[in-house]
Amino acid sequence: MTFGQILIIIAIIWLILINLIAFAAYGIDKRKAVKGQWRIPEATLIGLALAGGPVGAYAGMKVFHHKTKHAKFAIGVPVIMAAWIAAVIFLLIHNV
């Protein structure tokens, strides 16, 4: 296995894990909001999307009906997702 193939496997594993973590974080934050408990900071939720978890973040927003009325999430997470999709397409086209 080449070094490039190893990097691709690591990237795929990272993206799967960070999206699962982002999805779970939105669910946990919603549950804590309902119970009036300590919350996950908004910067952390956005940071998870930026770190490669926009699909999980968006899915969490929709499934848990959480942060859907906040512009920084309703607009920001889809923009982050579009940027990630564009980056992946760019890398695939240029065989990077």
N, C-alpha and C. Protein backbone atom coordinates (compact mmCIF):
# COMPACT_ATOMS: atom_id res chain seq x y z
N MET A 1 0.85 -1.17 0.00
CA MET A 1 0.00 0.00 0.00
C MET A 1 0.90 1.24 0.00
N THR A 2 0.56 2.19 -0.86
CA THR A 2 1.38 3.40 -0.97
C THR A 2 1.02 4.40 0.13
N PHE A 3 1.90 5.36 0.31
CA PHE A 3 1.66 6.41 1.31
C PHE A 3 0.39 7.18 0.97
N GLY A 4 0.17 7.45 -0.31
CA GLY A 4 -1.04 8.16 -0.73
C GLY A 4 -2.30 7.39 -0.39
N GLN A 5 -2.27 6.08 -0.58
CA GLN A 5 -3.44 5.26 -0.25
C GLN A 5 -3.71 5.26 1.26
N ILE A 6 -2.65 5.24 2.04
CA ILE A 6 -2.80 5.29 3.50
C ILE A 6 -3.43 6.62 3.91
N LEU A 7 -2.98 7.71 3.29
CA LEU A 7 -3.56 9.03 3.60
C LEU A 7 -5.04 9.09 3.25
N ILE A 8 -5.42 8.49 2.14
CA ILE A 8 -6.83 8.47 1.74
C ILE A 8 -7.65 7.69 2.77
N ILE A 9 -7.15 6.56 3.21
CA ILE A 9 -7.87 5.76 4.22
C ILE A 9 -8.01 6.55 5.52
N ILE A 10 -6.94 7.21 5.93
CA ILE A 10 -7.00 8.03 7.15
C ILE A 10 -8.02 9.15 6.99
N ALA A 11 -8.03 9.80 5.83
CA ALA A 11 -8.98 10.90 5.58
C ALA A 11 -10.42 10.39 5.62
N ILE A 12 -10.67 9.24 5.03
CA ILE A 12 -12.03 8.67 5.03
C ILE A 12 -12.46 8.33 6.46
N ILE A 13 -11.57 7.70 7.21
CA ILE A 13 -11.89 7.37 8.61
C ILE A 13 -12.17 8.65 9.40
N TRP A 14 -11.33 9.69 9.20
CA TRP A 14 -11.54 10.97 9.89
C TRP A 14 -12.92 11.54 9.57
N LEU A 15 -13.26 11.58 8.29
CA LEU A 15 -14.54 12.18 7.88
C LEU A 15 -15.72 11.41 8.45
N ILE A 16 -15.63 10.10 8.47
CA ILE A 16 -16.72 9.30 9.06
C ILE A 16 -16.84 9.61 10.55
N LEU A 17 -15.73 9.58 11.26
CA LEU A 17 -15.76 9.81 12.71
C LEU A 17 -16.22 11.21 13.07
N ILE A 18 -15.70 12.23 12.39
CA ILE A 18 -16.04 13.61 12.74
C ILE A 18 -17.51 13.90 12.43
N ASN A 19 -18.05 13.27 11.39
CA ASN A 19 -19.47 13.45 11.10
C ASN A 19 -20.35 12.76 12.13
N LEU A 20 -19.94 11.59 12.59
CA LEU A 20 -20.69 10.92 13.66
C LEU A 20 -20.63 11.72 14.95
N ILE A 21 -19.46 12.27 15.25
CA ILE A 21 -19.31 13.09 16.45
C ILE A 21 -20.16 14.35 16.35
N ALA A 22 -20.15 15.00 15.18
CA ALA A 22 -20.95 16.21 14.99
C ALA A 22 -22.43 15.91 15.17
N PHE A 23 -22.90 14.83 14.56
CA PHE A 23 -24.30 14.44 14.68
C PHE A 23 -24.67 14.23 16.15
N ALA A 24 -23.83 13.48 16.85
CA ALA A 24 -24.08 13.21 18.27
C ALA A 24 -24.06 14.50 19.09
N ALA A 25 -23.15 15.40 18.78
CA ALA A 25 -23.04 16.66 19.54
C ALA A 25 -24.31 17.49 19.42
N TYR A 26 -24.89 17.54 18.23
CA TYR A 26 -26.14 18.28 18.06
C TYR A 26 -27.27 17.63 18.86
N GLY A 27 -27.30 16.31 18.88
CA GLY A 27 -28.32 15.61 19.66
C GLY A 27 -28.14 15.83 21.15
N ILE A 28 -26.90 15.75 21.61
CA ILE A 28 -26.62 15.97 23.03
C ILE A 28 -26.97 17.40 23.43
N ASP A 29 -26.58 18.36 22.59
CA ASP A 29 -26.87 19.76 22.91
C ASP A 29 -28.37 20.03 22.94
N LYS A 30 -29.11 19.43 22.04
CA LYS A 30 -30.56 19.60 22.04
C LYS A 30 -31.16 19.04 23.33
N ARG A 31 -30.73 17.85 23.72
CA ARG A 31 -31.25 17.24 24.94
C ARG A 31 -30.93 18.10 26.16
N LYS A 32 -29.71 18.64 26.20
CA LYS A 32 -29.32 19.50 27.31
C LYS A 32 -30.12 20.80 27.30
N ALA A 33 -30.44 21.32 26.12
CA ALA A 33 -31.23 22.55 26.02
C ALA A 33 -32.63 22.32 26.59
N VAL A 34 -33.22 21.20 26.25
CA VAL A 34 -34.57 20.87 26.73
C VAL A 34 -34.57 20.74 28.25
N LYS A 35 -33.50 20.16 28.80
CA LYS A 35 -33.41 19.95 30.25
C LYS A 35 -32.88 21.17 31.01
N GLY A 36 -32.50 22.22 30.28
CA GLY A 36 -31.97 23.41 30.92
C GLY A 36 -30.60 23.22 31.53
N GLN A 37 -29.83 22.30 30.97
CA GLN A 37 -28.50 21.98 31.50
C GLN A 37 -27.41 22.74 30.75
N TRP A 38 -26.17 22.53 31.21
CA TRP A 38 -25.00 23.09 30.55
C TRP A 38 -25.00 22.67 29.08
N ARG A 39 -24.61 23.59 28.20
CA ARG A 39 -24.69 23.36 26.76
C ARG A 39 -23.32 23.26 26.12
N ILE A 40 -23.29 22.66 24.97
CA ILE A 40 -22.08 22.64 24.15
C ILE A 40 -21.97 24.02 23.50
N PRO A 41 -20.81 24.67 23.59
CA PRO A 41 -20.68 26.01 23.00
C PRO A 41 -20.96 26.00 21.49
N GLU A 42 -21.59 27.08 21.01
CA GLU A 42 -21.89 27.18 19.58
C GLU A 42 -20.62 27.09 18.74
N ALA A 43 -19.53 27.67 19.24
CA ALA A 43 -18.26 27.62 18.51
C ALA A 43 -17.80 26.17 18.31
N THR A 44 -18.07 25.32 19.27
CA THR A 44 -17.70 23.91 19.14
C THR A 44 -18.55 23.24 18.07
N LEU A 45 -19.85 23.53 18.07
CA LEU A 45 -20.74 22.93 17.07
C LEU A 45 -20.34 23.36 15.66
N ILE A 46 -20.05 24.64 15.47
CA ILE A 46 -19.59 25.13 14.16
C ILE A 46 -18.21 24.54 13.85
N GLY A 47 -17.35 24.46 14.85
CA GLY A 47 -16.01 23.91 14.66
C GLY A 47 -16.03 22.47 14.18
N LEU A 48 -16.98 21.69 14.66
CA LEU A 48 -17.10 20.31 14.19
C LEU A 48 -17.43 20.26 12.71
N ALA A 49 -18.28 21.17 12.26
CA ALA A 49 -18.60 21.25 10.83
C ALA A 49 -17.37 21.65 10.03
N LEU A 50 -16.65 22.65 10.52
CA LEU A 50 -15.44 23.11 9.83
C LEU A 50 -14.37 22.02 9.77
N ALA A 51 -14.30 21.19 10.79
CA ALA A 51 -13.28 20.15 10.88
C ALA A 51 -13.57 18.95 9.98
N GLY A 52 -14.66 19.02 9.23
CA GLY A 52 -14.98 17.93 8.31
C GLY A 52 -16.30 17.26 8.58
N GLY A 53 -17.07 17.79 9.53
CA GLY A 53 -18.34 17.16 9.89
C GLY A 53 -19.59 17.92 9.49
N PRO A 54 -19.60 18.59 8.34
CA PRO A 54 -20.81 19.35 7.99
C PRO A 54 -22.02 18.48 7.70
N VAL A 55 -21.81 17.30 7.18
CA VAL A 55 -22.95 16.41 6.89
C VAL A 55 -23.58 15.95 8.20
N GLY A 56 -22.77 15.55 9.15
CA GLY A 56 -23.27 15.16 10.46
C GLY A 56 -23.94 16.31 11.18
N ALA A 57 -23.34 17.51 11.08
CA ALA A 57 -23.92 18.69 11.72
C ALA A 57 -25.28 19.01 11.10
N TYR A 58 -25.35 19.00 9.78
CA TYR A 58 -26.61 19.31 9.10
C TYR A 58 -27.67 18.26 9.42
N ALA A 59 -27.27 17.00 9.39
CA ALA A 59 -28.22 15.93 9.73
C ALA A 59 -28.70 16.08 11.17
N GLY A 60 -27.79 16.41 12.08
CA GLY A 60 -28.16 16.62 13.47
C GLY A 60 -29.13 17.78 13.63
N MET A 61 -28.90 18.85 12.87
CA MET A 61 -29.82 19.99 12.92
C MET A 61 -31.23 19.57 12.50
N LYS A 62 -31.31 18.80 11.44
CA LYS A 62 -32.62 18.40 10.91
C LYS A 62 -33.28 17.33 11.78
N VAL A 63 -32.55 16.32 12.17
CA VAL A 63 -33.13 15.21 12.95
C VAL A 63 -33.58 15.69 14.32
N PHE A 64 -32.75 16.51 14.97
CA PHE A 64 -33.06 16.94 16.33
C PHE A 64 -33.77 18.29 16.38
N HIS A 65 -34.03 18.89 15.20
CA HIS A 65 -34.68 20.21 15.12
C HIS A 65 -33.94 21.19 16.03
N HIS A 66 -32.63 21.28 15.82
CA HIS A 66 -31.78 22.06 16.71
C HIS A 66 -30.95 23.06 15.92
N LYS A 67 -30.97 24.30 16.35
CA LYS A 67 -30.21 25.40 15.75
C LYS A 67 -30.67 25.74 14.34
N THR A 68 -31.86 25.32 13.95
CA THR A 68 -32.33 25.54 12.59
C THR A 68 -32.78 26.97 12.34
N LYS A 69 -33.04 27.73 13.39
CA LYS A 69 -33.49 29.12 13.22
C LYS A 69 -32.38 30.14 13.46
N HIS A 70 -31.20 29.66 13.78
CA HIS A 70 -30.05 30.55 13.98
C HIS A 70 -29.32 30.68 12.65
N ALA A 71 -29.19 31.91 12.15
CA ALA A 71 -28.61 32.14 10.82
C ALA A 71 -27.21 31.55 10.69
N LYS A 72 -26.40 31.68 11.75
CA LYS A 72 -25.03 31.17 11.62
C LYS A 72 -25.01 29.66 11.42
N PHE A 73 -26.07 28.97 11.82
CA PHE A 73 -26.17 27.54 11.59
C PHE A 73 -26.96 27.24 10.32
N ALA A 74 -28.11 27.87 10.17
CA ALA A 74 -28.98 27.60 9.02
C ALA A 74 -28.30 27.95 7.70
N ILE A 75 -27.45 28.97 7.72
CA ILE A 75 -26.70 29.35 6.51
C ILE A 75 -25.28 28.81 6.58
N GLY A 76 -24.66 28.94 7.75
CA GLY A 76 -23.25 28.57 7.89
C GLY A 76 -22.94 27.12 7.63
N VAL A 77 -23.73 26.22 8.19
CA VAL A 77 -23.44 24.78 8.01
C VAL A 77 -23.59 24.36 6.54
N PRO A 78 -24.65 24.77 5.82
CA PRO A 78 -24.71 24.42 4.40
C PRO A 78 -23.56 25.03 3.58
N VAL A 79 -23.13 26.24 3.93
CA VAL A 79 -21.99 26.85 3.23
C VAL A 79 -20.72 26.05 3.49
N ILE A 80 -20.53 25.65 4.73
CA ILE A 80 -19.37 24.83 5.07
C ILE A 80 -19.43 23.50 4.32
N MET A 81 -20.63 22.92 4.23
CA MET A 81 -20.79 21.66 3.50
C MET A 81 -20.45 21.85 2.02
N ALA A 82 -20.91 22.94 1.43
CA ALA A 82 -20.60 23.22 0.02
C ALA A 82 -19.10 23.38 -0.18
N ALA A 83 -18.43 24.04 0.75
CA ALA A 83 -16.98 24.22 0.65
C ALA A 83 -16.26 22.87 0.73
N TRP A 84 -16.70 22.01 1.63
CA TRP A 84 -16.09 20.68 1.75
C TRP A 84 -16.32 19.86 0.48
N ILE A 85 -17.53 19.91 -0.05
CA ILE A 85 -17.84 19.18 -1.29
C ILE A 85 -16.97 19.70 -2.42
N ALA A 86 -16.84 21.02 -2.54
CA ALA A 86 -16.00 21.61 -3.58
C ALA A 86 -14.55 21.18 -3.42
N ALA A 87 -14.06 21.15 -2.18
CA ALA A 87 -12.68 20.74 -1.93
C ALA A 87 -12.45 19.28 -2.32
N VAL A 88 -13.38 18.42 -1.98
CA VAL A 88 -13.25 17.00 -2.32
C VAL A 88 -13.29 16.81 -3.84
N ILE A 89 -14.21 17.50 -4.50
CA ILE A 89 -14.29 17.42 -5.97
C ILE A 89 -12.98 17.90 -6.59
N PHE A 90 -12.46 19.01 -6.10
CA PHE A 90 -11.19 19.53 -6.60
C PHE A 90 -10.08 18.50 -6.45
N LEU A 91 -10.00 17.89 -5.27
CA LEU A 91 -8.95 16.89 -5.03
C LEU A 91 -9.11 15.67 -5.93
N LEU A 92 -10.36 15.26 -6.15
CA LEU A 92 -10.60 14.10 -7.02
C LEU A 92 -10.26 14.41 -8.47
N ILE A 93 -10.64 15.59 -8.94
CA ILE A 93 -10.36 15.98 -10.33
C ILE A 93 -8.86 16.07 -10.58
N HIS A 94 -8.14 16.59 -9.61
CA HIS A 94 -6.70 16.79 -9.78
C HIS A 94 -5.86 15.64 -9.23
N ASN A 95 -6.52 14.53 -8.90
CA ASN A 95 -5.82 13.33 -8.42
C ASN A 95 -4.83 13.63 -7.30
N VAL A 96 -5.25 14.44 -6.37
CA VAL A 96 -4.37 14.79 -5.25
C VAL A 96 -4.56 13.80 -4.14
